[in-house]
N, C-alpha and C. Protein backbone atom coordinates (compact mmCIF):
# COMPACT_ATOMS: atom_id res chain seq x y z
N UNK A 1 100.50 86.53 208.70
CA UNK A 1 99.60 87.62 208.40
C UNK A 1 99.40 87.71 206.89
N UNK A 2 98.15 87.76 206.46
CA UNK A 2 97.83 87.81 205.04
C UNK A 2 97.89 89.24 204.53
N UNK A 3 98.42 89.40 203.33
CA UNK A 3 98.53 90.73 202.73
C UNK A 3 97.14 91.27 202.41
N UNK A 4 96.99 92.56 202.58
CA UNK A 4 95.74 93.23 202.24
C UNK A 4 95.57 93.19 200.73
N UNK A 5 94.40 92.72 200.23
CA UNK A 5 94.19 92.73 198.78
C UNK A 5 94.46 94.14 198.22
N UNK A 6 95.07 94.18 197.06
CA UNK A 6 95.52 95.46 196.51
C UNK A 6 94.36 96.42 196.26
N UNK A 7 93.21 95.92 195.85
CA UNK A 7 92.05 96.79 195.62
C UNK A 7 91.67 97.50 196.93
N UNK A 8 91.71 96.79 198.03
CA UNK A 8 91.39 97.41 199.32
C UNK A 8 92.43 98.46 199.69
N UNK A 9 93.68 98.16 199.39
CA UNK A 9 94.76 99.12 199.65
C UNK A 9 94.54 100.39 198.82
N UNK A 10 94.16 100.23 197.56
CA UNK A 10 93.91 101.38 196.68
C UNK A 10 92.75 102.22 197.22
N UNK A 11 91.72 101.57 197.72
CA UNK A 11 90.58 102.32 198.27
C UNK A 11 91.00 103.14 199.49
N UNK A 12 91.84 102.57 200.34
CA UNK A 12 92.33 103.30 201.51
C UNK A 12 93.19 104.48 201.07
N UNK A 13 94.08 104.23 200.12
CA UNK A 13 94.93 105.32 199.60
C UNK A 13 94.07 106.44 199.02
N UNK A 14 93.01 106.06 198.32
CA UNK A 14 92.14 107.04 197.67
C UNK A 14 91.42 107.92 198.68
N UNK A 15 91.04 107.35 199.82
CA UNK A 15 90.36 108.14 200.85
C UNK A 15 91.21 109.33 201.28
N UNK A 16 92.51 109.16 201.25
CA UNK A 16 93.43 110.23 201.66
C UNK A 16 93.87 111.06 200.46
N UNK A 17 94.30 110.37 199.41
CA UNK A 17 94.91 111.06 198.27
C UNK A 17 93.93 111.87 197.43
N UNK A 18 92.72 111.37 197.21
CA UNK A 18 91.81 112.06 196.30
C UNK A 18 91.42 113.45 196.80
N UNK A 19 91.02 113.62 198.06
CA UNK A 19 90.73 114.99 198.51
C UNK A 19 91.95 115.91 198.42
N UNK A 20 93.12 115.37 198.74
CA UNK A 20 94.35 116.16 198.64
C UNK A 20 94.62 116.52 197.18
N UNK A 21 94.51 115.53 196.29
CA UNK A 21 94.75 115.77 194.86
C UNK A 21 93.79 116.83 194.31
N UNK A 22 92.53 116.76 194.72
CA UNK A 22 91.56 117.76 194.25
C UNK A 22 91.96 119.17 194.68
N UNK A 23 92.46 119.31 195.89
CA UNK A 23 92.89 120.63 196.37
C UNK A 23 94.13 121.11 195.63
N UNK A 24 95.07 120.21 195.40
CA UNK A 24 96.27 120.57 194.64
C UNK A 24 95.89 120.95 193.21
N UNK A 25 94.98 120.19 192.63
CA UNK A 25 94.52 120.47 191.26
C UNK A 25 93.87 121.85 191.19
N UNK A 26 93.09 122.17 192.20
CA UNK A 26 92.44 123.49 192.24
C UNK A 26 93.46 124.61 192.43
N UNK A 27 94.46 124.38 193.26
CA UNK A 27 95.45 125.42 193.57
C UNK A 27 96.50 125.60 192.47
N UNK A 28 96.94 124.49 191.87
CA UNK A 28 98.07 124.55 190.93
C UNK A 28 97.69 124.28 189.48
N UNK A 29 96.47 123.84 189.26
CA UNK A 29 96.05 123.48 187.91
C UNK A 29 96.19 121.99 187.67
N UNK A 30 95.42 121.52 186.71
CA UNK A 30 95.37 120.09 186.44
C UNK A 30 96.71 119.50 186.02
N UNK A 31 97.42 120.17 185.12
CA UNK A 31 98.68 119.63 184.60
C UNK A 31 99.72 119.49 185.70
N UNK A 32 99.89 120.53 186.51
CA UNK A 32 100.90 120.49 187.58
C UNK A 32 100.53 119.45 188.64
N UNK A 33 99.25 119.39 189.00
CA UNK A 33 98.79 118.41 189.98
C UNK A 33 99.04 116.99 189.48
N UNK A 34 98.74 116.75 188.20
CA UNK A 34 98.97 115.42 187.62
C UNK A 34 100.45 115.07 187.60
N UNK A 35 101.30 116.04 187.26
CA UNK A 35 102.75 115.80 187.27
C UNK A 35 103.24 115.40 188.66
N UNK A 36 102.78 116.12 189.68
CA UNK A 36 103.19 115.82 191.05
C UNK A 36 102.71 114.43 191.48
N UNK A 37 101.46 114.11 191.14
CA UNK A 37 100.93 112.79 191.50
C UNK A 37 101.69 111.69 190.77
N UNK A 38 101.96 111.89 189.49
CA UNK A 38 102.70 110.88 188.73
C UNK A 38 104.10 110.66 189.31
N UNK A 39 104.76 111.72 189.74
CA UNK A 39 106.07 111.58 190.37
C UNK A 39 105.97 110.73 191.64
N UNK A 40 104.96 110.99 192.45
CA UNK A 40 104.77 110.23 193.68
C UNK A 40 104.44 108.77 193.38
N UNK A 41 103.61 108.54 192.37
CA UNK A 41 103.24 107.18 191.98
C UNK A 41 104.45 106.42 191.47
N UNK A 42 105.29 107.08 190.70
CA UNK A 42 106.51 106.44 190.21
C UNK A 42 107.41 106.03 191.38
N UNK A 43 107.55 106.92 192.34
CA UNK A 43 108.36 106.60 193.53
C UNK A 43 107.76 105.42 194.30
N UNK A 44 106.43 105.44 194.48
CA UNK A 44 105.76 104.34 195.16
C UNK A 44 105.95 103.03 194.40
N UNK A 45 105.75 103.05 193.09
CA UNK A 45 105.90 101.84 192.27
C UNK A 45 107.30 101.27 192.36
N UNK A 46 108.29 102.14 192.36
CA UNK A 46 109.68 101.70 192.47
C UNK A 46 109.94 101.07 193.84
N UNK A 47 109.46 101.70 194.90
CA UNK A 47 109.64 101.15 196.24
C UNK A 47 108.92 99.80 196.38
N UNK A 48 107.72 99.72 195.84
CA UNK A 48 106.95 98.48 195.89
C UNK A 48 107.68 97.38 195.12
N UNK A 49 108.15 97.69 193.93
CA UNK A 49 108.90 96.72 193.12
C UNK A 49 110.18 96.28 193.79
N UNK A 50 110.89 97.21 194.44
CA UNK A 50 112.11 96.85 195.16
C UNK A 50 111.80 95.87 196.29
N UNK A 51 110.68 96.09 196.99
CA UNK A 51 110.28 95.19 198.08
C UNK A 51 109.95 93.80 197.54
N UNK A 52 109.24 93.75 196.42
CA UNK A 52 108.92 92.46 195.79
C UNK A 52 110.20 91.76 195.38
N UNK A 53 111.11 92.48 194.75
CA UNK A 53 112.37 91.90 194.29
C UNK A 53 113.17 91.33 195.44
N UNK A 54 113.13 92.00 196.59
CA UNK A 54 113.91 91.55 197.75
C UNK A 54 113.28 90.35 198.45
N UNK A 55 111.96 90.21 198.36
CA UNK A 55 111.27 89.19 199.15
C UNK A 55 110.87 87.95 198.37
N UNK A 56 110.50 88.09 197.12
CA UNK A 56 109.98 86.95 196.36
C UNK A 56 111.13 86.17 195.73
N UNK A 57 111.01 84.85 195.69
CA UNK A 57 112.07 84.03 195.10
C UNK A 57 111.94 83.92 193.58
N UNK A 58 113.01 83.46 192.95
CA UNK A 58 112.97 83.13 191.53
C UNK A 58 113.42 84.25 190.62
N UNK A 59 113.08 84.09 189.35
CA UNK A 59 113.42 85.07 188.33
C UNK A 59 112.56 86.32 188.51
N UNK A 60 112.88 87.35 187.77
CA UNK A 60 112.06 88.57 187.82
C UNK A 60 110.62 88.26 187.44
N UNK A 61 110.43 87.41 186.46
CA UNK A 61 109.07 87.04 186.05
C UNK A 61 108.37 86.25 187.15
N UNK A 62 109.09 85.38 187.84
CA UNK A 62 108.52 84.65 188.98
C UNK A 62 108.10 85.61 190.08
N UNK A 63 108.93 86.60 190.33
CA UNK A 63 108.62 87.60 191.36
C UNK A 63 107.35 88.36 191.00
N UNK A 64 107.23 88.75 189.74
CA UNK A 64 106.02 89.43 189.27
C UNK A 64 104.81 88.51 189.41
N UNK A 65 104.95 87.27 188.98
CA UNK A 65 103.87 86.29 189.09
C UNK A 65 103.37 86.16 190.53
N UNK A 66 104.29 86.25 191.47
CA UNK A 66 103.91 86.10 192.88
C UNK A 66 102.96 87.21 193.33
N UNK A 67 102.93 88.32 192.62
CA UNK A 67 102.07 89.45 192.97
C UNK A 67 100.65 89.31 192.41
N UNK A 68 100.46 88.49 191.42
CA UNK A 68 99.16 88.41 190.74
C UNK A 68 98.00 88.09 191.68
N UNK A 69 98.15 87.14 192.62
CA UNK A 69 97.02 86.89 193.53
C UNK A 69 96.64 88.12 194.36
N UNK A 70 97.61 88.93 194.72
CA UNK A 70 97.33 90.15 195.49
C UNK A 70 96.52 91.14 194.65
N UNK A 71 96.91 91.32 193.39
CA UNK A 71 96.21 92.26 192.51
C UNK A 71 94.82 91.77 192.12
N UNK A 72 94.65 90.46 192.01
CA UNK A 72 93.38 89.89 191.54
C UNK A 72 92.47 89.44 192.67
N UNK A 73 92.90 89.56 193.93
CA UNK A 73 92.12 89.07 195.08
C UNK A 73 90.71 89.64 195.08
N UNK A 74 89.79 88.83 195.61
CA UNK A 74 88.38 89.23 195.72
C UNK A 74 87.77 89.58 194.37
N UNK A 75 88.20 88.85 193.35
CA UNK A 75 87.67 89.03 191.99
C UNK A 75 87.85 90.46 191.47
N UNK A 76 88.96 91.09 191.86
CA UNK A 76 89.24 92.46 191.41
C UNK A 76 89.51 92.52 189.92
N UNK A 77 90.03 91.43 189.36
CA UNK A 77 90.34 91.38 187.93
C UNK A 77 89.74 90.13 187.31
N UNK A 78 89.12 90.30 186.16
CA UNK A 78 88.66 89.18 185.35
C UNK A 78 89.60 89.15 184.15
N UNK A 79 90.50 88.16 184.15
CA UNK A 79 91.52 88.17 183.10
C UNK A 79 91.62 86.84 182.37
N UNK A 80 92.12 86.95 181.17
CA UNK A 80 92.33 85.81 180.27
C UNK A 80 93.83 85.61 180.10
N UNK A 81 94.38 84.52 180.66
CA UNK A 81 95.80 84.25 180.44
C UNK A 81 96.05 83.88 178.98
N UNK A 82 97.08 84.44 178.39
CA UNK A 82 97.43 84.15 177.00
C UNK A 82 98.70 83.33 176.92
N UNK A 83 99.75 83.77 177.61
CA UNK A 83 101.04 83.07 177.66
C UNK A 83 101.53 83.12 179.09
N UNK A 84 101.93 81.99 179.61
CA UNK A 84 102.50 81.93 180.95
C UNK A 84 103.59 80.87 180.94
N UNK A 85 104.80 81.30 180.60
CA UNK A 85 105.92 80.36 180.54
C UNK A 85 107.15 80.99 181.19
N UNK A 86 108.28 80.38 181.03
CA UNK A 86 109.51 80.82 181.70
C UNK A 86 109.98 82.20 181.24
N UNK A 87 109.56 82.65 180.05
CA UNK A 87 110.06 83.92 179.51
C UNK A 87 108.99 85.01 179.35
N UNK A 88 107.73 84.63 179.53
CA UNK A 88 106.66 85.60 179.24
C UNK A 88 105.43 85.33 180.10
N UNK A 89 104.79 86.42 180.50
CA UNK A 89 103.47 86.38 181.12
C UNK A 89 102.63 87.41 180.39
N UNK A 90 101.65 86.94 179.64
CA UNK A 90 100.78 87.83 178.87
C UNK A 90 99.34 87.51 179.23
N UNK A 91 98.57 88.56 179.45
CA UNK A 91 97.16 88.38 179.77
C UNK A 91 96.37 89.60 179.36
N UNK A 92 95.09 89.37 179.15
CA UNK A 92 94.15 90.45 178.87
C UNK A 92 93.18 90.54 180.03
N UNK A 93 93.01 91.73 180.57
CA UNK A 93 92.03 91.97 181.63
C UNK A 93 90.77 92.49 180.96
N UNK A 94 89.67 91.77 181.16
CA UNK A 94 88.39 92.16 180.55
C UNK A 94 87.45 92.82 181.56
N UNK A 95 87.68 92.56 182.83
CA UNK A 95 86.88 93.16 183.88
C UNK A 95 87.79 93.69 184.97
N UNK A 96 87.57 94.93 185.38
CA UNK A 96 88.48 95.57 186.34
C UNK A 96 87.66 96.31 187.40
N UNK A 97 87.66 95.78 188.61
CA UNK A 97 86.93 96.44 189.69
C UNK A 97 87.61 97.74 190.11
N UNK A 98 88.90 97.87 189.82
CA UNK A 98 89.58 99.14 190.07
C UNK A 98 88.92 100.23 189.22
N UNK A 99 88.72 99.94 187.93
CA UNK A 99 88.09 100.90 187.02
C UNK A 99 86.65 101.18 187.45
N UNK A 100 85.93 100.15 187.85
CA UNK A 100 84.55 100.35 188.31
C UNK A 100 84.50 101.29 189.52
N UNK A 101 85.43 101.09 190.43
CA UNK A 101 85.50 101.93 191.63
C UNK A 101 85.73 103.39 191.26
N UNK A 102 86.71 103.64 190.41
CA UNK A 102 87.02 105.03 190.05
C UNK A 102 85.96 105.63 189.13
N UNK A 103 85.31 104.81 188.32
CA UNK A 103 84.19 105.31 187.51
C UNK A 103 83.09 105.80 188.44
N UNK A 104 82.83 105.03 189.49
CA UNK A 104 81.81 105.41 190.47
C UNK A 104 82.14 106.72 191.19
N UNK A 105 83.41 107.01 191.34
CA UNK A 105 83.84 108.27 191.96
C UNK A 105 83.89 109.42 190.97
N UNK A 106 83.75 109.09 189.67
CA UNK A 106 83.90 110.12 188.64
C UNK A 106 85.33 110.58 188.47
N UNK A 107 86.28 109.70 188.78
CA UNK A 107 87.71 110.07 188.77
C UNK A 107 88.55 109.02 188.04
N UNK A 108 88.20 108.74 186.80
CA UNK A 108 88.93 107.73 186.03
C UNK A 108 90.38 108.15 185.79
N UNK A 109 90.63 109.41 185.53
CA UNK A 109 92.01 109.86 185.29
C UNK A 109 92.86 109.69 186.54
N UNK A 110 92.33 110.09 187.68
CA UNK A 110 93.02 109.89 188.95
C UNK A 110 93.26 108.40 189.18
N UNK A 111 92.24 107.59 188.94
CA UNK A 111 92.38 106.14 189.11
C UNK A 111 93.46 105.55 188.23
N UNK A 112 93.52 106.01 187.00
CA UNK A 112 94.57 105.55 186.09
C UNK A 112 95.95 105.90 186.63
N UNK A 113 96.06 107.12 187.15
CA UNK A 113 97.37 107.55 187.66
C UNK A 113 97.81 106.73 188.86
N UNK A 114 96.90 106.43 189.80
CA UNK A 114 97.37 105.75 191.01
C UNK A 114 97.32 104.23 190.92
N UNK A 115 96.73 103.69 189.87
CA UNK A 115 96.74 102.23 189.72
C UNK A 115 97.54 101.81 188.49
N UNK A 116 97.09 102.18 187.32
CA UNK A 116 97.73 101.73 186.07
C UNK A 116 99.17 102.24 185.95
N UNK A 117 99.41 103.46 186.39
CA UNK A 117 100.74 104.04 186.22
C UNK A 117 101.76 103.53 187.24
N UNK A 118 101.32 102.69 188.17
CA UNK A 118 102.25 102.02 189.08
C UNK A 118 102.98 100.90 188.34
N UNK A 119 102.33 100.31 187.34
CA UNK A 119 102.86 99.10 186.69
C UNK A 119 104.24 99.26 186.07
N UNK A 120 104.52 100.30 185.28
CA UNK A 120 105.87 100.41 184.70
C UNK A 120 107.00 100.53 185.73
N UNK A 121 106.92 101.44 186.72
CA UNK A 121 108.02 101.49 187.69
C UNK A 121 108.10 100.24 188.56
N UNK A 122 106.97 99.63 188.85
CA UNK A 122 106.96 98.37 189.59
C UNK A 122 107.71 97.31 188.81
N UNK A 123 107.40 97.19 187.53
CA UNK A 123 108.06 96.22 186.65
C UNK A 123 109.56 96.48 186.59
N UNK A 124 109.94 97.72 186.36
CA UNK A 124 111.37 98.07 186.27
C UNK A 124 112.11 97.73 187.55
N UNK A 125 111.49 97.99 188.70
CA UNK A 125 112.17 97.75 189.97
C UNK A 125 112.26 96.27 190.31
N UNK A 126 111.30 95.48 189.86
CA UNK A 126 111.37 94.03 190.11
C UNK A 126 112.59 93.45 189.44
N UNK A 127 112.90 93.91 188.24
CA UNK A 127 114.10 93.41 187.57
C UNK A 127 114.40 94.16 186.29
N UNK A 128 115.66 94.51 186.10
CA UNK A 128 116.08 95.21 184.88
C UNK A 128 115.93 94.34 183.64
N UNK A 129 115.78 93.04 183.85
CA UNK A 129 115.63 92.11 182.72
C UNK A 129 114.17 91.88 182.35
N UNK A 130 113.25 92.63 182.96
CA UNK A 130 111.82 92.45 182.75
C UNK A 130 111.25 93.66 182.03
N UNK A 131 110.44 93.42 180.99
CA UNK A 131 109.80 94.52 180.27
C UNK A 131 108.29 94.37 180.33
N UNK A 132 107.60 95.49 180.26
CA UNK A 132 106.15 95.52 180.19
C UNK A 132 105.75 96.30 178.95
N UNK A 133 104.91 95.70 178.13
CA UNK A 133 104.28 96.40 177.01
C UNK A 133 102.78 96.37 177.27
N UNK A 134 102.14 97.52 177.15
CA UNK A 134 100.69 97.62 177.33
C UNK A 134 100.21 98.76 176.45
N UNK A 135 99.27 98.47 175.57
CA UNK A 135 98.81 99.48 174.63
C UNK A 135 97.49 100.13 175.03
N UNK A 136 96.77 99.52 175.97
CA UNK A 136 95.49 100.09 176.37
C UNK A 136 95.11 99.60 177.76
N UNK A 137 94.26 100.39 178.41
CA UNK A 137 93.70 99.99 179.71
C UNK A 137 92.21 100.33 179.73
N UNK A 138 91.48 99.61 180.52
CA UNK A 138 90.06 99.90 180.72
C UNK A 138 89.90 101.28 181.35
N UNK A 139 90.81 101.62 182.26
CA UNK A 139 90.74 102.90 182.95
C UNK A 139 90.86 104.07 181.97
N UNK A 140 91.56 103.86 180.86
CA UNK A 140 91.71 104.89 179.82
C UNK A 140 90.73 104.62 178.66
N UNK A 141 89.65 103.91 178.97
CA UNK A 141 88.54 103.67 178.05
C UNK A 141 88.85 102.65 176.96
N UNK A 142 89.85 101.81 177.17
CA UNK A 142 90.12 100.71 176.24
C UNK A 142 89.12 99.59 176.47
N UNK A 143 89.02 98.68 175.52
CA UNK A 143 88.11 97.54 175.67
C UNK A 143 88.62 96.55 176.71
N UNK A 144 89.93 96.57 176.94
CA UNK A 144 90.56 95.68 177.92
C UNK A 144 91.96 96.23 178.23
N UNK A 145 92.62 95.62 179.19
CA UNK A 145 94.02 95.94 179.48
C UNK A 145 94.86 94.81 178.92
N UNK A 146 95.85 95.13 178.12
CA UNK A 146 96.69 94.10 177.50
C UNK A 146 98.09 94.14 178.12
N UNK A 147 98.30 93.27 179.08
CA UNK A 147 99.59 93.18 179.76
C UNK A 147 100.48 92.17 179.06
N UNK A 148 101.71 92.58 178.73
CA UNK A 148 102.69 91.70 178.10
C UNK A 148 104.03 91.88 178.81
N UNK A 149 104.31 91.01 179.77
CA UNK A 149 105.60 91.05 180.46
C UNK A 149 106.51 90.01 179.84
N UNK A 150 107.74 90.39 179.58
CA UNK A 150 108.71 89.46 178.99
C UNK A 150 110.07 89.67 179.62
N UNK A 151 110.82 88.59 179.71
CA UNK A 151 112.22 88.69 180.08
C UNK A 151 113.00 89.11 178.85
N UNK A 152 113.97 90.00 179.02
CA UNK A 152 114.80 90.46 177.90
C UNK A 152 115.71 89.34 177.44
C-alpha cells in the first residue's frame, strides 16, 4: 500500500481542523487558539517522527531523507538541493503547493502552524542527534524555505 502524499493528507486534516480552529479562535481569542493548535501540532510531529524513527532504516538523517518523497509527491515542493551527504541535508524550497493551498484559503498563519511547525518536533523525534535550522518559510512570506538538517 502506497503512502498518501503529505499534501493530500494536509488537505484532509484541514477540512476538519480549520472549521474547528476558527470556532476556537472566535471563542477563546487568536492567541489562545494558536497556542492550543501549536501544542497539538507539536504532539503530532513528535508521534510522526517517532513512527519514522521506528520504521525507516539507517541514521537519523537517512530516516529523514526517506520522508522527502512523501513531502514532495505530486510536485508539492520545488526545491534546490544544496548539500546531501552523510552528515547534512540542506535544501531551499522555491515553490510550495502547501503555501499556495493555504493562500487560496486565506489562512497562511493556520497553514504555517499545521505544516511548517511540524518540522522541528518531527526532526527531534527522528533522532536526538539531528538538528534543523530554518530562518524563513514561504508560508511566513519568505522568498523561500531554507532547510538545513545536520547530524550533531
